[in-house]
Amino acid sequence: MRSISIFGATGSVGESGFDLLMRAGGPQAYRTVALTGGRNVARLAQMARALQAEIAVTAHEEELPALRDALAGSGVQAAAGTAALIEAAARPADWTLSAIVGSAGLAPGLTALRRGGTLALANKESLVCAGALLHGVAQIGGARILPVDSEHSAIFQSLGAENIENVEHVTITASGGAFRDWPVERLAAATVAEASTHPNWQMGQRITIDSASMFNKAMEVIETHEFFGLSADKIKVLVHPESILHAMVTHKDGGTIAHLGPPDMRHAIGYALNWPHRQPLPLPVLDLAAAGSLNFRQPDENRWPALRLAREVIAAGGAAGTVFNAAKEQALDDFIAGRIAFTEMAPRVEATLDRMAGEPHFGDEPGDLPTVLDWDRASRKASAA
């Protein structure tokens, strides 16, 4: 029986993973080692009971009494805090879903890679902040990283056994988020509530706002570079409102292979769960006749300057990804708190990149987690200044 862990179980990706596991038979099909979550300890305990997990961990130490109460009599161990997350990640598991949002997912992901197995990576911040470090630790630990973002899963599936040298370019698609059809001049007055409603996907608030600003897609451009070793000029973005075509791989002979499917994260999670085999999944099959038509357009970088910044981050290398992510998270915090306008986020990130580029060793790849965290803290401080 395969052993699994889910980090970020109570988020949208974690919930999708839980749904697939339960539909496959739950504790009769998989041995669940660890489930982790945030403040929704009632849901975390419910999931841990259903999967008969060995341990459930909340990231917030003050929530531990509530988690213990919710798990009383279940046989599931309760724990809390950063050290508990790391300890849970160190427990052997064949397959680990990394779905913690933000740079907080980096340390558990690295820990999981050190002890081997497969890391199904939905935490894009890990590769953006420390792609070289992640790949190096995976190689040493004999671990494998599989993509769970729908776009990168689509590229991975479309590539198959093809040599990456034969690829002319790849194209990832973006829904355009909440403001794709708004007049640009209206964006400065956009509210948090308006930015938090996605037309196609059901996601958490932060990633939904990142979709509206296209920072989410900018992160995925950098992630594509880190996953597949492609230069920025070989990574294209198209706005595709229907979110049915997730990515395309165009080869040097001019042929293009595309991956299509309904906008449902369970496909990418299920593919990573069952890889290298394909198994039936409890998902609707794409009906192109019902979809009617698929639309595409070039993204307007005046509307979405984050895409330009992503290319600049790839070109800069070194600590630029860590700085970019930290500044983006700080700018998002400030927008949600009402301290800056929606259109001020990208200029804030760009200014932070410019400021941090003058720091010693900016051009060096972070070689360990403490170095990544040092750059993260300094960048947040610079962004908030």
Protein backbone atom coordinates (compact mmCIF):
# COMPACT_ATOMS: atom_id res chain seq x y z
CA MET A 1 0.00 0.00 0.00
CA ARG A 2 1.45 3.38 -1.04
CA SER A 3 2.01 5.95 1.68
CA ILE A 4 1.06 9.60 1.11
CA SER A 5 1.21 12.98 2.83
CA ILE A 6 -0.54 16.25 1.99
CA PHE A 7 0.93 19.58 3.06
CA GLY A 8 -1.68 22.33 2.79
CA ALA A 9 -4.56 19.85 2.96
CA THR A 10 -7.28 22.40 3.75
CA GLY A 11 -6.52 24.69 0.79
CA SER A 12 -8.16 24.35 -2.61
CA VAL A 13 -5.43 22.08 -4.05
CA GLY A 14 -5.27 20.00 -0.87
CA GLU A 15 -9.04 19.58 -0.89
CA SER A 16 -8.87 18.34 -4.49
CA GLY A 17 -6.19 15.84 -3.53
CA PHE A 18 -8.24 14.67 -0.56
CA ASP A 19 -11.28 14.21 -2.81
CA LEU A 20 -9.31 12.00 -5.19
CA LEU A 21 -7.93 9.88 -2.36
CA MET A 22 -11.35 9.35 -0.82
CA ARG A 23 -12.91 8.45 -4.17
CA ALA A 24 -10.11 5.93 -4.71
CA GLY A 25 -10.90 4.18 -1.44
CA GLY A 26 -9.35 6.40 1.22
CA PRO A 27 -7.61 4.41 3.97
CA GLN A 28 -8.35 1.16 2.15
CA ALA A 29 -6.28 2.31 -0.84
CA TYR A 30 -3.58 4.51 0.74
CA ARG A 31 -1.74 4.79 4.02
CA THR A 32 -1.83 8.44 5.01
CA VAL A 33 1.19 9.59 6.97
CA ALA A 34 0.65 13.33 7.50
CA LEU A 35 -1.90 16.02 6.76
CA THR A 36 -1.16 19.67 7.49
CA GLY A 37 -3.22 22.83 7.38
CA GLY A 38 -3.69 26.32 8.76
CA ARG A 39 -6.37 27.67 11.04
CA ASN A 40 -9.25 25.52 9.79
CA VAL A 41 -8.46 22.80 12.31
CA ALA A 42 -12.02 21.43 12.30
CA ARG A 43 -11.70 20.56 8.61
CA LEU A 44 -8.14 19.30 9.06
CA ALA A 45 -9.29 16.95 11.81
CA GLN A 46 -12.21 15.77 9.68
CA MET A 47 -9.86 14.92 6.81
CA ALA A 48 -7.35 13.23 9.11
CA ARG A 49 -10.08 11.07 10.61
CA ALA A 50 -11.42 10.12 7.18
CA LEU A 51 -7.98 9.09 5.89
CA GLN A 52 -6.87 7.64 9.26
CA ALA A 53 -3.69 9.73 9.12
CA GLU A 54 -0.81 9.12 11.49
CA ILE A 55 -0.45 12.82 12.31
CA ALA A 56 -2.27 16.11 11.65
CA VAL A 57 -0.33 19.36 11.96
CA THR A 58 -1.55 22.94 12.10
CA ALA A 59 0.97 25.64 11.25
CA HIS A 60 -0.35 27.78 14.13
CA GLU A 61 0.70 26.72 17.62
CA GLU A 62 -2.23 28.51 19.27
CA GLU A 63 -4.61 26.19 17.36
CA LEU A 64 -3.13 23.01 18.86
CA PRO A 65 -5.67 22.64 21.72
CA ALA A 66 -8.56 22.90 19.27
CA LEU A 67 -6.93 20.35 16.96
CA ARG A 68 -6.35 17.94 19.84
CA ASP A 69 -9.98 18.25 20.90
CA ALA A 70 -11.19 17.64 17.34
CA LEU A 71 -9.02 14.51 17.05
CA ALA A 72 -9.78 13.11 20.51
CA GLY A 73 -10.33 9.37 20.38
CA SER A 74 -9.31 9.06 16.73
CA GLY A 75 -5.78 7.75 17.23
CA VAL A 76 -4.45 10.57 15.05
CA GLN A 77 -1.55 12.46 16.60
CA ALA A 78 -1.91 16.27 16.76
CA ALA A 79 0.97 18.73 16.47
CA ALA A 80 1.54 22.40 15.67
CA GLY A 81 4.15 24.88 14.55
CA THR A 82 7.04 25.07 12.10
CA ALA A 83 9.13 22.37 13.77
CA ALA A 84 6.16 19.99 13.69
CA LEU A 85 5.67 20.65 9.98
CA ILE A 86 9.31 19.75 9.32
CA GLU A 87 9.08 16.64 11.47
CA ALA A 88 5.98 15.55 9.57
CA ALA A 89 7.72 16.13 6.24
CA ALA A 90 10.64 13.98 7.39
CA ARG A 91 8.35 10.99 7.98
CA PRO A 92 8.81 8.51 5.12
CA ALA A 93 6.10 8.67 2.47
CA ASP A 94 6.08 7.43 -1.11
CA TRP A 95 4.20 10.48 -2.41
CA THR A 96 3.85 13.96 -0.93
CA LEU A 97 1.59 16.72 -2.23
CA SER A 98 3.13 20.12 -1.54
CA ALA A 99 0.19 22.55 -1.58
CA ILE A 100 1.12 25.08 1.10
CA VAL A 101 0.67 28.59 -0.28
CA GLY A 102 3.67 30.91 -0.38
CA SER A 103 7.31 30.58 0.64
CA ALA A 104 6.18 28.74 3.79
CA GLY A 105 6.01 25.61 1.63
CA LEU A 106 9.73 25.63 0.86
CA ALA A 107 11.13 24.12 4.07
CA PRO A 108 8.68 21.15 4.22
CA GLY A 109 9.24 20.51 0.52
CA LEU A 110 13.02 20.42 0.90
CA THR A 111 12.66 18.09 3.89
CA ALA A 112 10.45 15.72 1.89
CA LEU A 113 12.98 15.67 -0.97
CA ARG A 114 15.84 14.85 1.38
CA ARG A 115 14.18 11.63 2.51
CA GLY A 116 13.29 10.58 -1.04
CA GLY A 117 10.05 9.60 -2.74
CA THR A 118 7.95 11.76 -5.05
CA LEU A 119 7.12 15.40 -4.38
CA ALA A 120 4.00 16.48 -6.28
CA LEU A 121 4.65 20.21 -6.38
CA ALA A 122 1.78 22.68 -6.37
CA ASN A 123 3.77 25.22 -4.34
CA LYS A 124 5.20 27.26 -7.21
CA GLU A 125 7.03 29.57 -4.80
CA SER A 126 9.49 26.76 -4.03
CA LEU A 127 10.86 26.67 -7.57
CA VAL A 128 10.68 30.44 -8.01
CA CYS A 129 12.62 31.07 -4.79
CA ALA A 130 15.07 28.19 -4.94
CA GLY A 131 14.79 26.12 -8.10
CA ALA A 132 18.46 25.09 -8.24
CA LEU A 133 18.44 24.20 -4.55
CA LEU A 134 15.31 22.07 -4.92
CA HIS A 135 16.67 20.14 -7.89
CA GLY A 136 20.01 19.62 -6.15
CA VAL A 137 18.40 18.27 -2.97
CA ALA A 138 16.14 15.99 -5.03
CA GLN A 139 19.14 14.56 -6.86
CA ILE A 140 21.02 13.90 -3.63
CA GLY A 141 17.95 12.33 -1.98
CA GLY A 142 17.02 10.23 -5.02
CA ALA A 143 13.65 12.00 -5.08
CA ARG A 144 11.49 13.04 -8.01
CA ILE A 145 9.60 16.32 -8.46
CA LEU A 146 6.37 16.14 -10.47
CA PRO A 147 4.41 19.25 -11.48
CA VAL A 148 0.87 19.76 -10.19
CA ASP A 149 0.12 23.24 -11.53
CA SER A 150 -2.20 22.54 -14.45
CA GLU A 151 0.05 24.36 -16.93
CA HIS A 152 3.25 22.55 -15.97
CA SER A 153 1.50 19.21 -15.76
CA ALA A 154 0.22 19.91 -19.28
CA ILE A 155 3.75 20.67 -20.55
CA PHE A 156 5.08 17.55 -18.82
CA GLN A 157 2.38 15.39 -20.39
CA SER A 158 2.76 16.98 -23.82
CA LEU A 159 6.53 16.49 -23.81
CA GLY A 160 6.35 12.80 -23.06
CA ALA A 161 9.73 11.25 -23.88
CA GLU A 162 10.65 14.10 -26.24
CA ASN A 163 14.09 15.65 -25.87
CA ILE A 164 13.76 19.22 -24.57
CA GLU A 165 16.36 20.23 -27.20
CA ASN A 166 13.72 19.60 -29.88
CA VAL A 167 11.34 22.18 -28.38
CA GLU A 168 11.02 25.50 -30.17
CA HIS A 169 8.92 27.03 -27.41
CA VAL A 170 6.13 26.28 -24.96
CA THR A 171 2.93 28.27 -24.41
CA ILE A 172 1.06 28.44 -21.13
CA THR A 173 -2.39 29.94 -20.94
CA ALA A 174 -3.94 32.40 -18.51
CA SER A 175 -7.61 33.00 -17.86
CA GLY A 176 -6.95 36.72 -17.41
CA GLY A 177 -8.60 36.66 -14.00
CA ALA A 178 -11.25 38.97 -12.67
CA PHE A 179 -10.16 42.05 -14.62
CA ARG A 180 -9.34 40.67 -18.05
CA ASP A 181 -12.04 42.79 -19.73
CA TRP A 182 -11.90 45.86 -17.50
CA PRO A 183 -10.72 49.18 -18.96
CA VAL A 184 -7.11 49.65 -17.82
CA GLU A 185 -7.90 53.04 -16.35
CA ARG A 186 -10.44 51.44 -13.99
CA LEU A 187 -7.92 49.05 -12.40
CA ALA A 188 -6.51 51.58 -9.93
CA ALA A 189 -9.87 51.65 -8.15
CA ALA A 190 -10.30 47.83 -8.05
CA THR A 191 -11.29 46.54 -4.62
CA VAL A 192 -10.05 43.46 -2.79
CA ALA A 193 -13.50 41.88 -3.10
CA GLU A 194 -13.54 42.43 -6.86
CA ALA A 195 -10.05 40.97 -7.26
CA SER A 196 -11.00 37.93 -5.16
CA THR A 197 -13.60 36.54 -7.59
CA HIS A 198 -12.30 34.28 -10.35
CA PRO A 199 -14.44 33.62 -13.43
CA ASN A 200 -13.30 29.99 -13.93
CA TRP A 201 -11.51 28.51 -10.92
CA GLN A 202 -12.43 28.06 -7.27
CA MET A 203 -9.27 29.05 -5.39
CA GLY A 204 -8.13 30.79 -2.25
CA GLN A 205 -8.15 34.59 -1.99
CA ARG A 206 -4.44 35.17 -2.44
CA ILE A 207 -4.00 33.08 -5.58
CA THR A 208 -7.22 34.53 -7.02
CA ILE A 209 -5.88 38.07 -6.61
CA ASP A 210 -2.56 36.92 -8.08
CA SER A 211 -4.54 35.68 -11.08
CA ALA A 212 -6.18 39.08 -11.51
CA SER A 213 -2.78 40.83 -11.42
CA MET A 214 -1.18 38.05 -13.51
CA PHE A 215 1.48 37.64 -10.83
CA ASN A 216 0.37 34.03 -10.65
CA LYS A 217 1.17 33.60 -14.35
CA ALA A 218 4.46 35.47 -13.94
CA MET A 219 5.40 32.95 -11.24
CA GLU A 220 4.45 30.14 -13.61
CA VAL A 221 6.69 31.59 -16.34
CA ILE A 222 9.62 31.45 -13.89
CA GLU A 223 8.51 28.00 -12.76
CA THR A 224 8.48 26.79 -16.38
CA HIS A 225 12.07 27.99 -16.72
CA GLU A 226 13.07 26.16 -13.54
CA PHE A 227 11.15 22.95 -14.29
CA PHE A 228 12.17 22.48 -17.91
CA GLY A 229 15.33 24.57 -18.32
CA LEU A 230 13.83 26.80 -21.02
CA SER A 231 15.02 30.36 -21.55
CA ALA A 232 12.56 33.23 -21.19
CA ASP A 233 12.24 33.70 -24.97
CA LYS A 234 11.00 30.12 -25.30
CA ILE A 235 8.13 30.62 -22.82
CA LYS A 236 4.99 32.23 -24.28
CA VAL A 237 1.76 33.27 -22.57
CA LEU A 238 -1.70 33.51 -24.15
CA VAL A 239 -4.88 34.75 -22.52
CA HIS A 240 -7.47 32.00 -22.91
CA PRO A 241 -10.71 32.87 -21.10
CA GLU A 242 -12.19 29.36 -21.22
CA SER A 243 -9.26 27.73 -19.33
CA ILE A 244 -9.60 24.54 -21.37
CA LEU A 245 -6.28 24.48 -23.22
CA HIS A 246 -3.67 24.50 -20.46
CA ALA A 247 -0.39 24.46 -22.38
CA MET A 248 1.16 23.75 -25.76
CA VAL A 249 4.58 22.45 -26.75
CA THR A 250 5.79 23.61 -30.18
CA HIS A 251 8.64 21.59 -31.67
CA LYS A 252 11.37 22.68 -34.04
CA ASP A 253 9.64 20.93 -36.94
CA GLY A 254 6.67 23.26 -36.49
CA GLY A 255 4.32 20.73 -34.91
CA THR A 256 2.47 21.70 -31.74
CA ILE A 257 1.10 19.31 -29.12
CA ALA A 258 -1.55 20.77 -26.83
CA HIS A 259 -3.08 19.52 -23.60
CA LEU A 260 -6.78 20.24 -23.07
CA GLY A 261 -9.16 19.47 -20.26
CA PRO A 262 -11.89 21.00 -18.09
CA PRO A 263 -10.68 23.55 -15.52
CA ASP A 264 -10.34 21.06 -12.65
CA MET A 265 -7.13 20.69 -10.61
CA ARG A 266 -7.94 17.07 -9.86
CA HIS A 267 -6.67 16.03 -13.28
CA ALA A 268 -3.12 17.31 -12.70
CA ILE A 269 -3.12 15.98 -9.12
CA GLY A 270 -4.43 12.60 -10.26
CA TYR A 271 -1.84 12.39 -13.03
CA ALA A 272 0.96 13.06 -10.54
CA LEU A 273 -0.55 10.61 -8.06
CA ASN A 274 -0.69 7.75 -10.58
CA TRP A 275 2.40 8.57 -12.67
CA PRO A 276 3.96 6.88 -14.63
CA HIS A 277 0.63 5.16 -15.27
CA ARG A 278 -2.75 6.63 -16.13
CA GLN A 279 -5.72 5.59 -14.06
CA PRO A 280 -9.42 6.43 -14.46
CA LEU A 281 -10.30 9.62 -12.59
CA PRO A 282 -13.77 10.69 -11.38
CA LEU A 283 -13.76 13.74 -13.62
CA PRO A 284 -15.90 14.98 -16.50
CA VAL A 285 -14.54 14.33 -19.98
CA LEU A 286 -13.98 17.36 -22.16
CA ASP A 287 -16.83 17.99 -24.61
CA LEU A 288 -15.54 20.39 -27.26
CA ALA A 289 -18.93 20.62 -28.96
CA ALA A 290 -20.45 21.80 -25.70
CA ALA A 291 -17.56 24.22 -25.16
CA GLY A 292 -18.36 25.76 -28.53
CA SER A 293 -15.29 27.87 -29.23
CA LEU A 294 -11.90 28.52 -27.71
CA ASN A 295 -10.52 32.06 -27.69
CA PHE A 296 -6.96 33.32 -27.41
CA ARG A 297 -5.28 36.69 -27.34
CA GLN A 298 -1.91 38.19 -26.53
CA PRO A 299 -1.62 39.53 -22.98
CA ASP A 300 -1.42 43.32 -22.66
CA GLU A 301 1.67 44.00 -20.56
CA ASN A 302 0.44 47.49 -19.77
CA ARG A 303 -2.43 45.77 -17.96
CA TRP A 304 -0.22 42.98 -16.60
CA PRO A 305 3.37 44.25 -16.08
CA ALA A 306 4.14 41.21 -13.92
CA LEU A 307 4.82 39.21 -17.09
CA ARG A 308 7.65 41.55 -18.11
CA LEU A 309 9.09 41.34 -14.61
CA ALA A 310 9.11 37.52 -14.84
CA ARG A 311 11.34 37.63 -17.92
CA GLU A 312 13.66 40.08 -16.18
CA VAL A 313 13.89 37.77 -13.16
CA ILE A 314 14.86 34.83 -15.37
CA ALA A 315 17.51 36.95 -17.10
CA ALA A 316 18.92 38.15 -13.77
CA GLY A 317 19.11 34.71 -12.14
CA GLY A 318 20.75 34.42 -8.73
CA ALA A 319 18.52 35.59 -5.90
CA ALA A 320 16.11 37.45 -8.20
CA GLY A 321 13.40 34.79 -7.90
CA THR A 322 13.49 34.90 -4.11
CA VAL A 323 13.32 38.70 -4.13
CA PHE A 324 10.50 38.68 -6.68
CA ASN A 325 8.37 36.27 -4.67
CA ALA A 326 8.95 38.01 -1.34
CA ALA A 327 8.17 41.43 -2.80
CA LYS A 328 5.08 40.05 -4.50
CA GLU A 329 3.81 38.51 -1.25
CA GLN A 330 4.46 41.74 0.64
CA ALA A 331 2.70 43.81 -2.03
CA LEU A 332 -0.25 41.43 -1.93
CA ASP A 333 -0.42 41.74 1.87
CA ASP A 334 -0.43 45.52 1.50
CA PHE A 335 -3.18 45.46 -1.13
CA ILE A 336 -5.39 43.17 0.95
CA ALA A 337 -4.84 45.43 3.98
CA GLY A 338 -5.81 48.49 1.94
CA ARG A 339 -2.39 50.14 2.17
CA ILE A 340 -1.80 50.25 -1.61
CA ALA A 341 -3.94 50.16 -4.74
CA PHE A 342 -4.20 47.17 -7.05
CA THR A 343 -2.05 48.89 -9.68
CA GLU A 344 0.68 49.73 -7.17
CA MET A 345 1.68 46.10 -6.62
CA ALA A 346 3.81 45.63 -9.75
CA PRO A 347 5.71 48.94 -9.36
CA ARG A 348 6.40 48.01 -5.74
CA VAL A 349 7.85 44.65 -6.81
CA GLU A 350 9.93 46.24 -9.56
CA ALA A 351 11.33 48.85 -7.17
CA THR A 352 12.28 46.12 -4.70
CA LEU A 353 14.08 44.14 -7.41
CA ASP A 354 16.00 47.26 -8.40
CA ARG A 355 16.92 48.00 -4.78
CA MET A 356 18.01 44.46 -3.94
CA ALA A 357 20.01 44.05 -7.16
CA GLY A 358 22.65 46.29 -5.59
CA GLU A 359 23.17 43.96 -2.63
CA PRO A 360 26.26 41.71 -2.45
CA HIS A 361 25.83 38.21 -3.94
CA PHE A 362 22.52 39.08 -5.64
CA GLY A 363 23.79 37.26 -8.72
CA ASP A 364 24.56 34.05 -6.79
CA GLU A 365 22.08 31.18 -6.62
CA PRO A 366 21.02 30.66 -2.96
CA GLY A 367 22.78 27.48 -1.93
CA ASP A 368 20.83 26.61 1.20
CA LEU A 369 17.57 27.35 2.99
CA PRO A 370 18.99 29.92 5.46
CA THR A 371 20.31 31.97 2.52
CA VAL A 372 16.91 31.83 0.80
CA LEU A 373 15.21 32.94 4.01
CA ASP A 374 17.70 35.78 4.51
CA TRP A 375 16.92 37.13 1.03
CA ASP A 376 13.20 36.65 1.68
CA ARG A 377 13.26 38.65 4.92
CA ALA A 378 15.41 41.43 3.50
CA SER A 379 13.20 41.72 0.41
CA ARG A 380 10.00 41.94 2.43
CA LYS A 381 11.56 44.65 4.57
CA ALA A 382 12.71 46.55 1.47
CA SER A 383 9.30 46.19 -0.17
CA ALA A 384 7.43 47.46 2.88
CA ALA A 385 9.72 50.46 3.29
